[in-house]
Amino acid sequence: MMSHPIVYGAIDGVPVAGNCPPGALAATRTVTLKAAYRRSPPADYPRPDPGAPAAASLTATPRTIPAGTTLTLFSDEAEALIAAGFATAA
């Protein structure tokens, strides 16, 4: 299977983009944001915590999540934020 390109959102107008490879939605990763993140993934992109109570930062998109927030995302989105220098692993 091939990876699918995706834009998850933006920080200061800079797109946060990456690939959603097979299996990426099976793993999560926790990150801490270095800057405010305007999260706006495609409508069909699932929430990272489908069985958990809705996290305020993930219920409505697009939504701006403040710098310093620690959140759990699917590994593909977390890796895109870390690779761009917008988040650190928590």
N, C-alpha and C. Protein backbone atom coordinates (compact mmCIF):
# COMPACT_ATOMS: atom_id res chain seq x y z
N MET A 1 0.84 -1.19 0.00
CA MET A 1 0.00 0.00 0.00
C MET A 1 0.87 1.24 0.00
N MET A 2 0.36 2.29 -0.57
CA MET A 2 1.09 3.54 -0.65
C MET A 2 0.65 4.49 0.46
N SER A 3 1.52 5.44 0.78
CA SER A 3 1.16 6.50 1.71
C SER A 3 0.26 7.49 1.00
N HIS A 4 -0.58 8.14 1.78
CA HIS A 4 -1.47 9.16 1.24
C HIS A 4 -1.07 10.51 1.80
N PRO A 5 -0.77 11.51 0.92
CA PRO A 5 -0.42 12.83 1.43
C PRO A 5 -1.63 13.47 2.11
N ILE A 6 -1.35 14.23 3.16
CA ILE A 6 -2.42 14.86 3.92
C ILE A 6 -1.91 16.15 4.53
N VAL A 7 -2.77 17.15 4.61
CA VAL A 7 -2.46 18.39 5.33
C VAL A 7 -3.31 18.37 6.60
N TYR A 8 -2.64 18.40 7.74
CA TYR A 8 -3.31 18.28 9.03
C TYR A 8 -3.78 19.62 9.58
N GLY A 9 -3.12 20.70 9.17
CA GLY A 9 -3.44 22.02 9.69
C GLY A 9 -2.30 22.97 9.35
N ALA A 10 -2.14 24.03 10.16
CA ALA A 10 -1.09 25.01 9.89
C ALA A 10 -0.65 25.68 11.18
N ILE A 11 0.58 26.15 11.15
CA ILE A 11 1.13 26.97 12.24
C ILE A 11 1.69 28.22 11.60
N ASP A 12 1.19 29.37 12.03
CA ASP A 12 1.59 30.66 11.45
C ASP A 12 1.48 30.66 9.93
N GLY A 13 0.45 30.01 9.41
CA GLY A 13 0.22 29.97 7.97
C GLY A 13 1.04 28.93 7.23
N VAL A 14 1.94 28.25 7.92
CA VAL A 14 2.77 27.22 7.30
C VAL A 14 2.04 25.88 7.42
N PRO A 15 1.74 25.23 6.29
CA PRO A 15 1.03 23.96 6.36
C PRO A 15 1.82 22.89 7.11
N VAL A 16 1.11 22.11 7.89
CA VAL A 16 1.68 20.93 8.54
C VAL A 16 1.18 19.76 7.70
N ALA A 17 2.08 19.20 6.91
CA ALA A 17 1.70 18.16 5.98
C ALA A 17 2.59 16.94 6.16
N GLY A 18 2.06 15.81 5.77
CA GLY A 18 2.82 14.57 5.85
C GLY A 18 2.14 13.51 5.05
N ASN A 19 2.50 12.28 5.34
CA ASN A 19 1.90 11.14 4.66
C ASN A 19 1.23 10.25 5.68
N CYS A 20 0.15 9.65 5.28
CA CYS A 20 -0.58 8.72 6.14
C CYS A 20 -0.34 7.32 5.60
N PRO A 21 0.77 6.68 6.06
CA PRO A 21 1.08 5.35 5.54
C PRO A 21 0.18 4.29 6.16
N PRO A 22 0.12 3.14 5.55
CA PRO A 22 -0.66 2.05 6.14
C PRO A 22 -0.19 1.79 7.57
N GLY A 23 -1.10 1.63 8.46
CA GLY A 23 -0.77 1.37 9.85
C GLY A 23 -0.59 2.61 10.71
N ALA A 24 -0.52 3.79 10.10
CA ALA A 24 -0.29 5.02 10.87
C ALA A 24 -1.43 5.29 11.84
N LEU A 25 -2.63 4.87 11.50
CA LEU A 25 -3.77 5.12 12.36
C LEU A 25 -3.91 4.07 13.46
N ALA A 26 -2.96 3.14 13.51
CA ALA A 26 -2.98 2.12 14.56
C ALA A 26 -2.14 2.53 15.76
N ALA A 27 -1.31 3.57 15.60
CA ALA A 27 -0.42 3.99 16.67
C ALA A 27 -0.64 5.48 16.97
N THR A 28 -0.51 5.84 18.23
CA THR A 28 -0.60 7.24 18.62
C THR A 28 0.73 7.67 19.22
N ARG A 29 0.91 8.99 19.28
CA ARG A 29 2.11 9.56 19.88
C ARG A 29 1.70 10.86 20.55
N THR A 30 2.29 11.12 21.71
CA THR A 30 1.98 12.32 22.46
C THR A 30 3.05 13.37 22.19
N VAL A 31 2.60 14.59 21.90
CA VAL A 31 3.50 15.70 21.60
C VAL A 31 3.10 16.93 22.41
N THR A 32 4.05 17.83 22.55
CA THR A 32 3.78 19.14 23.15
C THR A 32 4.05 20.19 22.09
N LEU A 33 3.06 21.04 21.84
CA LEU A 33 3.18 22.05 20.79
C LEU A 33 4.10 23.19 21.20
N LYS A 34 4.93 23.63 20.25
CA LYS A 34 5.82 24.77 20.48
C LYS A 34 5.16 26.08 20.05
N ALA A 35 4.11 25.99 19.26
CA ALA A 35 3.40 27.17 18.74
C ALA A 35 1.93 26.82 18.61
N ALA A 36 1.08 27.84 18.51
CA ALA A 36 -0.35 27.62 18.33
C ALA A 36 -0.57 26.87 17.01
N TYR A 37 -1.40 25.84 17.06
CA TYR A 37 -1.62 24.95 15.92
C TYR A 37 -3.07 25.03 15.48
N ARG A 38 -3.28 25.45 14.26
CA ARG A 38 -4.62 25.50 13.66
C ARG A 38 -4.87 24.14 13.03
N ARG A 39 -5.51 23.25 13.78
CA ARG A 39 -5.72 21.88 13.34
C ARG A 39 -6.97 21.81 12.46
N SER A 40 -6.78 21.32 11.24
CA SER A 40 -7.92 21.21 10.31
C SER A 40 -7.70 20.05 9.35
N PRO A 41 -7.64 18.83 9.87
CA PRO A 41 -7.48 17.69 8.98
C PRO A 41 -8.73 17.48 8.13
N PRO A 42 -8.62 16.69 7.07
CA PRO A 42 -9.80 16.40 6.25
C PRO A 42 -10.93 15.80 7.11
N ALA A 43 -12.14 16.00 6.68
CA ALA A 43 -13.31 15.57 7.45
C ALA A 43 -13.32 14.06 7.71
N ASP A 44 -12.73 13.28 6.82
CA ASP A 44 -12.75 11.83 7.01
C ASP A 44 -11.58 11.31 7.84
N TYR A 45 -10.70 12.20 8.32
CA TYR A 45 -9.58 11.78 9.16
C TYR A 45 -10.13 11.51 10.56
N PRO A 46 -9.94 10.30 11.09
CA PRO A 46 -10.56 9.95 12.37
C PRO A 46 -9.90 10.63 13.58
N ARG A 47 -10.66 10.73 14.66
CA ARG A 47 -10.11 11.23 15.92
C ARG A 47 -9.14 10.19 16.46
N PRO A 48 -8.03 10.61 17.10
CA PRO A 48 -7.08 9.65 17.64
C PRO A 48 -7.64 8.82 18.80
N ASP A 49 -8.69 9.28 19.44
CA ASP A 49 -9.20 8.60 20.63
C ASP A 49 -10.68 8.26 20.47
N PRO A 50 -11.04 7.45 19.46
CA PRO A 50 -12.46 7.24 19.17
C PRO A 50 -13.26 6.64 20.31
N GLY A 51 -12.65 5.89 21.21
CA GLY A 51 -13.39 5.28 22.30
C GLY A 51 -13.41 6.11 23.56
N ALA A 52 -12.63 7.17 23.59
CA ALA A 52 -12.52 8.00 24.79
C ALA A 52 -13.47 9.18 24.73
N PRO A 53 -13.74 9.80 25.86
CA PRO A 53 -14.54 11.03 25.83
C PRO A 53 -13.86 12.06 24.92
N ALA A 54 -14.62 12.85 24.25
CA ALA A 54 -14.08 13.81 23.29
C ALA A 54 -13.14 14.79 23.98
N ALA A 55 -11.92 14.88 23.45
CA ALA A 55 -10.96 15.86 23.95
C ALA A 55 -11.33 17.22 23.37
N ALA A 56 -11.34 18.23 24.21
CA ALA A 56 -11.74 19.57 23.75
C ALA A 56 -10.91 20.03 22.57
N SER A 57 -9.63 19.66 22.52
CA SER A 57 -8.77 20.12 21.44
C SER A 57 -9.01 19.38 20.13
N LEU A 58 -9.78 18.30 20.15
CA LEU A 58 -9.96 17.51 18.94
C LEU A 58 -11.40 17.40 18.48
N THR A 59 -12.34 17.99 19.20
CA THR A 59 -13.74 17.79 18.85
C THR A 59 -14.18 18.60 17.64
N ALA A 60 -13.76 19.82 17.53
CA ALA A 60 -14.18 20.67 16.42
C ALA A 60 -12.96 21.05 15.59
N THR A 61 -13.08 20.93 14.30
CA THR A 61 -12.00 21.38 13.43
C THR A 61 -12.60 22.24 12.33
N PRO A 62 -11.97 23.29 11.86
CA PRO A 62 -10.66 23.69 12.36
C PRO A 62 -10.77 24.30 13.76
N ARG A 63 -9.71 24.14 14.48
CA ARG A 63 -9.63 24.66 15.84
C ARG A 63 -8.18 25.01 16.14
N THR A 64 -7.96 26.13 16.81
CA THR A 64 -6.60 26.51 17.18
C THR A 64 -6.29 25.99 18.57
N ILE A 65 -5.21 25.24 18.67
CA ILE A 65 -4.76 24.66 19.92
C ILE A 65 -3.54 25.46 20.38
N PRO A 66 -3.56 25.99 21.60
CA PRO A 66 -2.49 26.88 22.05
C PRO A 66 -1.12 26.21 22.18
N ALA A 67 -0.07 27.00 22.03
CA ALA A 67 1.29 26.54 22.29
C ALA A 67 1.37 26.03 23.72
N GLY A 68 2.19 25.02 23.92
CA GLY A 68 2.36 24.45 25.24
C GLY A 68 1.40 23.31 25.55
N THR A 69 0.40 23.12 24.70
CA THR A 69 -0.57 22.05 24.90
C THR A 69 0.07 20.70 24.60
N THR A 70 -0.18 19.73 25.45
CA THR A 70 0.27 18.37 25.22
C THR A 70 -0.95 17.57 24.78
N LEU A 71 -0.83 16.90 23.64
CA LEU A 71 -1.95 16.12 23.13
C LEU A 71 -1.48 14.86 22.44
N THR A 72 -2.37 13.90 22.37
CA THR A 72 -2.08 12.63 21.73
C THR A 72 -2.73 12.62 20.35
N LEU A 73 -1.92 12.32 19.34
CA LEU A 73 -2.37 12.31 17.96
C LEU A 73 -1.97 10.98 17.32
N PHE A 74 -2.53 10.69 16.16
CA PHE A 74 -2.04 9.55 15.42
C PHE A 74 -0.59 9.81 15.05
N SER A 75 0.19 8.76 14.92
CA SER A 75 1.63 8.90 14.72
C SER A 75 2.00 9.72 13.49
N ASP A 76 1.22 9.63 12.42
CA ASP A 76 1.56 10.39 11.21
C ASP A 76 1.48 11.89 11.44
N GLU A 77 0.43 12.35 12.13
CA GLU A 77 0.28 13.78 12.41
C GLU A 77 1.33 14.25 13.41
N ALA A 78 1.56 13.45 14.45
CA ALA A 78 2.57 13.80 15.44
C ALA A 78 3.95 13.91 14.80
N GLU A 79 4.29 12.96 13.95
CA GLU A 79 5.60 12.98 13.28
C GLU A 79 5.74 14.20 12.37
N ALA A 80 4.66 14.59 11.70
CA ALA A 80 4.71 15.77 10.84
C ALA A 80 4.98 17.03 11.66
N LEU A 81 4.35 17.15 12.81
CA LEU A 81 4.59 18.31 13.69
C LEU A 81 6.02 18.33 14.21
N ILE A 82 6.51 17.17 14.62
CA ILE A 82 7.88 17.08 15.14
C ILE A 82 8.90 17.38 14.03
N ALA A 83 8.69 16.80 12.86
CA ALA A 83 9.62 17.00 11.73
C ALA A 83 9.69 18.46 11.31
N ALA A 84 8.58 19.16 11.41
CA ALA A 84 8.55 20.58 11.03
C ALA A 84 9.11 21.48 12.14
N GLY A 85 9.40 20.90 13.30
CA GLY A 85 9.94 21.70 14.41
C GLY A 85 8.88 22.41 15.21
N PHE A 86 7.61 22.03 15.03
CA PHE A 86 6.50 22.69 15.72
C PHE A 86 6.08 22.01 17.01
N ALA A 87 6.65 20.83 17.29
CA ALA A 87 6.29 20.09 18.50
C ALA A 87 7.48 19.24 18.94
N THR A 88 7.42 18.84 20.20
CA THR A 88 8.41 17.90 20.72
C THR A 88 7.68 16.68 21.24
N ALA A 89 8.36 15.55 21.26
CA ALA A 89 7.77 14.34 21.82
C ALA A 89 7.57 14.57 23.31
N ALA A 90 6.43 14.14 23.82
CA ALA A 90 6.14 14.33 25.25
C ALA A 90 6.33 13.04 26.00
